[in-house]
Amino acid sequence: IRILGLSKLEMIYPEYQDISHDLVFPGIIYGTTFVLWIIWVNKFSHLKLRKK
């Protein structure tokens, strides 16, 4: 999806290729990873650790 998006943006707006590659898409990737991490923590934070 990233390669397709970057290719499409470069065809339509070639002057924004560096900005989209260096800022926009990493922001989307890191943002999505952060949101999924928060969801995972909230889902599994109620589980208690087993004590030996």
PDB file of N, CA and C in Angstrom:
ATOM      1  N   ILE A   1       0.835  -1.185   0.000  1.00  0.00           N
ATOM      2  CA  ILE A   1       0.000   0.000   0.000  1.00  0.00           C
ATOM      3  C   ILE A   1       0.880   1.248   0.000  1.00  0.00           C
ATOM      4  N   ARG A   2       1.973   1.199   0.747  1.00  0.00           N
ATOM      5  CA  ARG A   2       2.842   2.371   0.816  1.00  0.00           C
ATOM      6  C   ARG A   2       3.454   2.686  -0.547  1.00  0.00           C
ATOM      7  N   ILE A   3       3.945   1.664  -1.234  1.00  0.00           N
ATOM      8  CA  ILE A   3       4.570   1.883  -2.537  1.00  0.00           C
ATOM      9  C   ILE A   3       3.545   2.401  -3.533  1.00  0.00           C
ATOM     10  N   LEU A   4       2.348   1.837  -3.502  1.00  0.00           N
ATOM     11  CA  LEU A   4       1.288   2.302  -4.395  1.00  0.00           C
ATOM     12  C   LEU A   4       0.940   3.756  -4.106  1.00  0.00           C
ATOM     13  N   GLY A   5       0.797   4.102  -2.833  1.00  0.00           N
ATOM     14  CA  GLY A   5       0.472   5.476  -2.462  1.00  0.00           C
ATOM     15  C   GLY A   5       1.562   6.457  -2.852  1.00  0.00           C
ATOM     16  N   LEU A   6       2.804   6.084  -2.586  1.00  0.00           N
ATOM     17  CA  LEU A   6       3.913   6.963  -2.953  1.00  0.00           C
ATOM     18  C   LEU A   6       4.021   7.128  -4.464  1.00  0.00           C
ATOM     19  N   SER A   7       3.810   6.058  -5.208  1.00  0.00           N
ATOM     20  CA  SER A   7       3.866   6.141  -6.669  1.00  0.00           C
ATOM     21  C   SER A   7       2.765   7.037  -7.210  1.00  0.00           C
ATOM     22  N   LYS A   8       1.563   6.879  -6.672  1.00  0.00           N
ATOM     23  CA  LYS A   8       0.430   7.698  -7.116  1.00  0.00           C
ATOM     24  C   LYS A   8       0.677   9.176  -6.802  1.00  0.00           C
ATOM     25  N   LEU A   9       1.165   9.454  -5.586  1.00  0.00           N
ATOM     26  CA  LEU A   9       1.455  10.843  -5.228  1.00  0.00           C
ATOM     27  C   LEU A   9       2.555  11.436  -6.101  1.00  0.00           C
ATOM     28  N   GLU A  10       3.563  10.643  -6.424  1.00  0.00           N
ATOM     29  CA  GLU A  10       4.638  11.158  -7.260  1.00  0.00           C
ATOM     30  C   GLU A  10       4.160  11.448  -8.679  1.00  0.00           C
ATOM     31  N   MET A  11       3.222  10.649  -9.174  1.00  0.00           N
ATOM     32  CA  MET A  11       2.678  10.913 -10.509  1.00  0.00           C
ATOM     33  C   MET A  11       1.843  12.189 -10.517  1.00  0.00           C
ATOM     34  N   ILE A  12       1.052  12.405  -9.473  1.00  0.00           N
ATOM     35  CA  ILE A  12       0.151  13.555  -9.437  1.00  0.00           C
ATOM     36  C   ILE A  12       0.874  14.816  -8.964  1.00  0.00           C
ATOM     37  N   TYR A  13       1.647  14.696  -7.879  1.00  0.00           N
ATOM     38  CA  TYR A  13       2.345  15.834  -7.275  1.00  0.00           C
ATOM     39  C   TYR A  13       3.832  15.515  -7.117  1.00  0.00           C
ATOM     40  N   PRO A  14       4.601  15.568  -8.190  1.00  0.00           N
ATOM     41  CA  PRO A  14       6.020  15.192  -8.075  1.00  0.00           C
ATOM     42  C   PRO A  14       6.820  16.110  -7.147  1.00  0.00           C
ATOM     43  N   GLU A  15       6.370  17.350  -6.967  1.00  0.00           N
ATOM     44  CA  GLU A  15       7.116  18.277  -6.106  1.00  0.00           C
ATOM     45  C   GLU A  15       6.996  17.922  -4.621  1.00  0.00           C
ATOM     46  N   TYR A  16       6.029  17.082  -4.254  1.00  0.00           N
ATOM     47  CA  TYR A  16       5.843  16.684  -2.859  1.00  0.00           C
ATOM     48  C   TYR A  16       6.383  15.287  -2.561  1.00  0.00           C
ATOM     49  N   GLN A  17       7.177  14.745  -3.459  1.00  0.00           N
ATOM     50  CA  GLN A  17       7.677  13.384  -3.292  1.00  0.00           C
ATOM     51  C   GLN A  17       8.531  13.248  -2.037  1.00  0.00           C
ATOM     52  N   ASP A  18       9.436  14.193  -1.813  1.00  0.00           N
ATOM     53  CA  ASP A  18      10.310  14.105  -0.631  1.00  0.00           C
ATOM     54  C   ASP A  18       9.524  14.239   0.662  1.00  0.00           C
ATOM     55  N   ILE A  19       8.585  15.162   0.708  1.00  0.00           N
ATOM     56  CA  ILE A  19       7.780  15.368   1.918  1.00  0.00           C
ATOM     57  C   ILE A  19       6.932  14.135   2.209  1.00  0.00           C
ATOM     58  N   SER A  20       6.293  13.603   1.177  1.00  0.00           N
ATOM     59  CA  SER A  20       5.434  12.435   1.409  1.00  0.00           C
ATOM     60  C   SER A  20       6.255  11.217   1.812  1.00  0.00           C
ATOM     61  N   HIS A  21       7.443  11.066   1.243  1.00  0.00           N
ATOM     62  CA  HIS A  21       8.276   9.909   1.571  1.00  0.00           C
ATOM     63  C   HIS A  21       8.916  10.039   2.946  1.00  0.00           C
ATOM     64  N   ASP A  22       9.356  11.233   3.300  1.00  0.00           N
ATOM     65  CA  ASP A  22      10.101  11.418   4.546  1.00  0.00           C
ATOM     66  C   ASP A  22       9.232  11.750   5.753  1.00  0.00           C
ATOM     67  N   LEU A  23       8.048  12.331   5.550  1.00  0.00           N
ATOM     68  CA  LEU A  23       7.236  12.772   6.677  1.00  0.00           C
ATOM     69  C   LEU A  23       5.861  12.120   6.752  1.00  0.00           C
ATOM     70  N   VAL A  24       5.128  12.162   5.668  1.00  0.00           N
ATOM     71  CA  VAL A  24       3.724  11.735   5.706  1.00  0.00           C
ATOM     72  C   VAL A  24       3.601  10.230   5.934  1.00  0.00           C
ATOM     73  N   PHE A  25       4.226   9.433   5.104  1.00  0.00           N
ATOM     74  CA  PHE A  25       4.065   7.990   5.229  1.00  0.00           C
ATOM     75  C   PHE A  25       4.699   7.411   6.496  1.00  0.00           C
ATOM     76  N   PRO A  26       5.882   7.870   6.935  1.00  0.00           N
ATOM     77  CA  PRO A  26       6.352   7.390   8.245  1.00  0.00           C
ATOM     78  C   PRO A  26       5.401   7.784   9.377  1.00  0.00           C
ATOM     79  N   GLY A  27       4.814   8.974   9.286  1.00  0.00           N
ATOM     80  CA  GLY A  27       3.833   9.378  10.295  1.00  0.00           C
ATOM     81  C   GLY A  27       2.634   8.460  10.324  1.00  0.00           C
ATOM     82  N   ILE A  28       2.182   8.053   9.149  1.00  0.00           N
ATOM     83  CA  ILE A  28       1.051   7.123   9.068  1.00  0.00           C
ATOM     84  C   ILE A  28       1.438   5.766   9.656  1.00  0.00           C
ATOM     85  N   ILE A  29       2.619   5.276   9.302  1.00  0.00           N
ATOM     86  CA  ILE A  29       3.071   3.973   9.798  1.00  0.00           C
ATOM     87  C   ILE A  29       3.243   4.003  11.316  1.00  0.00           C
ATOM     88  N   TYR A  30       3.963   5.003  11.828  1.00  0.00           N
ATOM     89  CA  TYR A  30       4.183   5.088  13.280  1.00  0.00           C
ATOM     90  C   TYR A  30       2.889   5.373  14.024  1.00  0.00           C
ATOM     91  N   GLY A  31       2.030   6.198  13.447  1.00  0.00           N
ATOM     92  CA  GLY A  31       0.742   6.479  14.080  1.00  0.00           C
ATOM     93  C   GLY A  31      -0.123   5.240  14.185  1.00  0.00           C
ATOM     94  N   THR A  32      -0.183   4.466  13.111  1.00  0.00           N
ATOM     95  CA  THR A  32      -0.959   3.229  13.118  1.00  0.00           C
ATOM     96  C   THR A  32      -0.385   2.235  14.125  1.00  0.00           C
ATOM     97  N   THR A  33       0.941   2.116  14.160  1.00  0.00           N
ATOM     98  CA  THR A  33       1.579   1.219  15.118  1.00  0.00           C
ATOM     99  C   THR A  33       1.262   1.640  16.548  1.00  0.00           C
ATOM    100  N   PHE A  34       1.312   2.934  16.829  1.00  0.00           N
ATOM    101  CA  PHE A  34       1.022   3.431  18.169  1.00  0.00           C
ATOM    102  C   PHE A  34      -0.423   3.153  18.565  1.00  0.00           C
ATOM    103  N   VAL A  35      -1.362   3.405  17.652  1.00  0.00           N
ATOM    104  CA  VAL A  35      -2.781   3.160  17.949  1.00  0.00           C
ATOM    105  C   VAL A  35      -3.028   1.678  18.194  1.00  0.00           C
ATOM    106  N   LEU A  36      -2.450   0.809  17.370  1.00  0.00           N
ATOM    107  CA  LEU A  36      -2.616  -0.629  17.575  1.00  0.00           C
ATOM    108  C   LEU A  36      -1.993  -1.076  18.889  1.00  0.00           C
ATOM    109  N   TRP A  37      -0.865  -0.485  19.279  1.00  0.00           N
ATOM    110  CA  TRP A  37      -0.229  -0.808  20.549  1.00  0.00           C
ATOM    111  C   TRP A  37      -1.122  -0.402  21.715  1.00  0.00           C
ATOM    112  N   ILE A  38      -1.715   0.783  21.649  1.00  0.00           N
ATOM    113  CA  ILE A  38      -2.618   1.245  22.710  1.00  0.00           C
ATOM    114  C   ILE A  38      -3.827   0.319  22.819  1.00  0.00           C
ATOM    115  N   ILE A  39      -4.387  -0.076  21.689  1.00  0.00           N
ATOM    116  CA  ILE A  39      -5.526  -1.002  21.702  1.00  0.00           C
ATOM    117  C   ILE A  39      -5.110  -2.325  22.343  1.00  0.00           C
ATOM    118  N   TRP A  40      -3.946  -2.836  21.973  1.00  0.00           N
ATOM    119  CA  TRP A  40      -3.465  -4.100  22.522  1.00  0.00           C
ATOM    120  C   TRP A  40      -3.254  -3.999  24.029  1.00  0.00           C
ATOM    121  N   VAL A  41      -2.640  -2.914  24.488  1.00  0.00           N
ATOM    122  CA  VAL A  41      -2.404  -2.729  25.925  1.00  0.00           C
ATOM    123  C   VAL A  41      -3.726  -2.664  26.668  1.00  0.00           C
ATOM    124  N   ASN A  42      -4.682  -1.915  26.149  1.00  0.00           N
ATOM    125  CA  ASN A  42      -5.982  -1.808  26.818  1.00  0.00           C
ATOM    126  C   ASN A  42      -6.722  -3.136  26.837  1.00  0.00           C
ATOM    127  N   LYS A  43      -6.561  -3.936  25.815  1.00  0.00           N
ATOM    128  CA  LYS A  43      -7.258  -5.215  25.757  1.00  0.00           C
ATOM    129  C   LYS A  43      -6.666  -6.227  26.732  1.00  0.00           C
ATOM    130  N   PHE A  44      -5.339  -6.226  26.880  1.00  0.00           N
ATOM    131  CA  PHE A  44      -4.685  -7.247  27.686  1.00  0.00           C
ATOM    132  C   PHE A  44      -4.171  -6.742  29.031  1.00  0.00           C
ATOM    133  N   SER A  45      -4.384  -5.490  29.373  1.00  0.00           N
ATOM    134  CA  SER A  45      -3.854  -4.976  30.636  1.00  0.00           C
ATOM    135  C   SER A  45      -4.614  -5.505  31.843  1.00  0.00           C
ATOM    136  N   HIS A  46      -5.818  -6.008  31.637  1.00  0.00           N
ATOM    137  CA  HIS A  46      -6.593  -6.532  32.761  1.00  0.00           C
ATOM    138  C   HIS A  46      -6.160  -7.941  33.162  1.00  0.00           C
ATOM    139  N   LEU A  47      -5.344  -8.590  32.348  1.00  0.00           N
ATOM    140  CA  LEU A  47      -4.869  -9.930  32.679  1.00  0.00           C
ATOM    141  C   LEU A  47      -3.817  -9.841  33.772  1.00  0.00           C
ATOM    142  N   LYS A  48      -3.910 -10.727  34.725  1.00  0.00           N
ATOM    143  CA  LYS A  48      -2.948 -10.724  35.828  1.00  0.00           C
ATOM    144  C   LYS A  48      -1.827 -11.707  35.529  1.00  0.00           C
ATOM    145  N   LEU A  49      -0.647 -11.344  35.983  1.00  0.00           N
ATOM    146  CA  LEU A  49       0.495 -12.236  35.811  1.00  0.00           C
ATOM    147  C   LEU A  49       0.398 -13.386  36.795  1.00  0.00           C
ATOM    148  N   ARG A  50       0.826 -14.547  36.338  1.00  0.00           N
ATOM    149  CA  ARG A  50       0.830 -15.710  37.229  1.00  0.00           C
ATOM    150  C   ARG A  50       1.994 -15.603  38.201  1.00  0.00           C
ATOM    151  N   LYS A  51       1.728 -15.874  39.454  1.00  0.00           N
ATOM    152  CA  LYS A  51       2.796 -15.885  40.450  1.00  0.00           C
ATOM    153  C   LYS A  51       3.211 -17.327  40.698  1.00  0.00           C
ATOM    154  N   LYS A  52       4.508 -17.547  40.772  1.00  0.00           N
ATOM    155  CA  LYS A  52       5.014 -18.907  40.987  1.00  0.00           C
ATOM    156  C   LYS A  52       5.195 -19.190  42.444  1.00  0.00           C
TER     157      LYS A  52
END
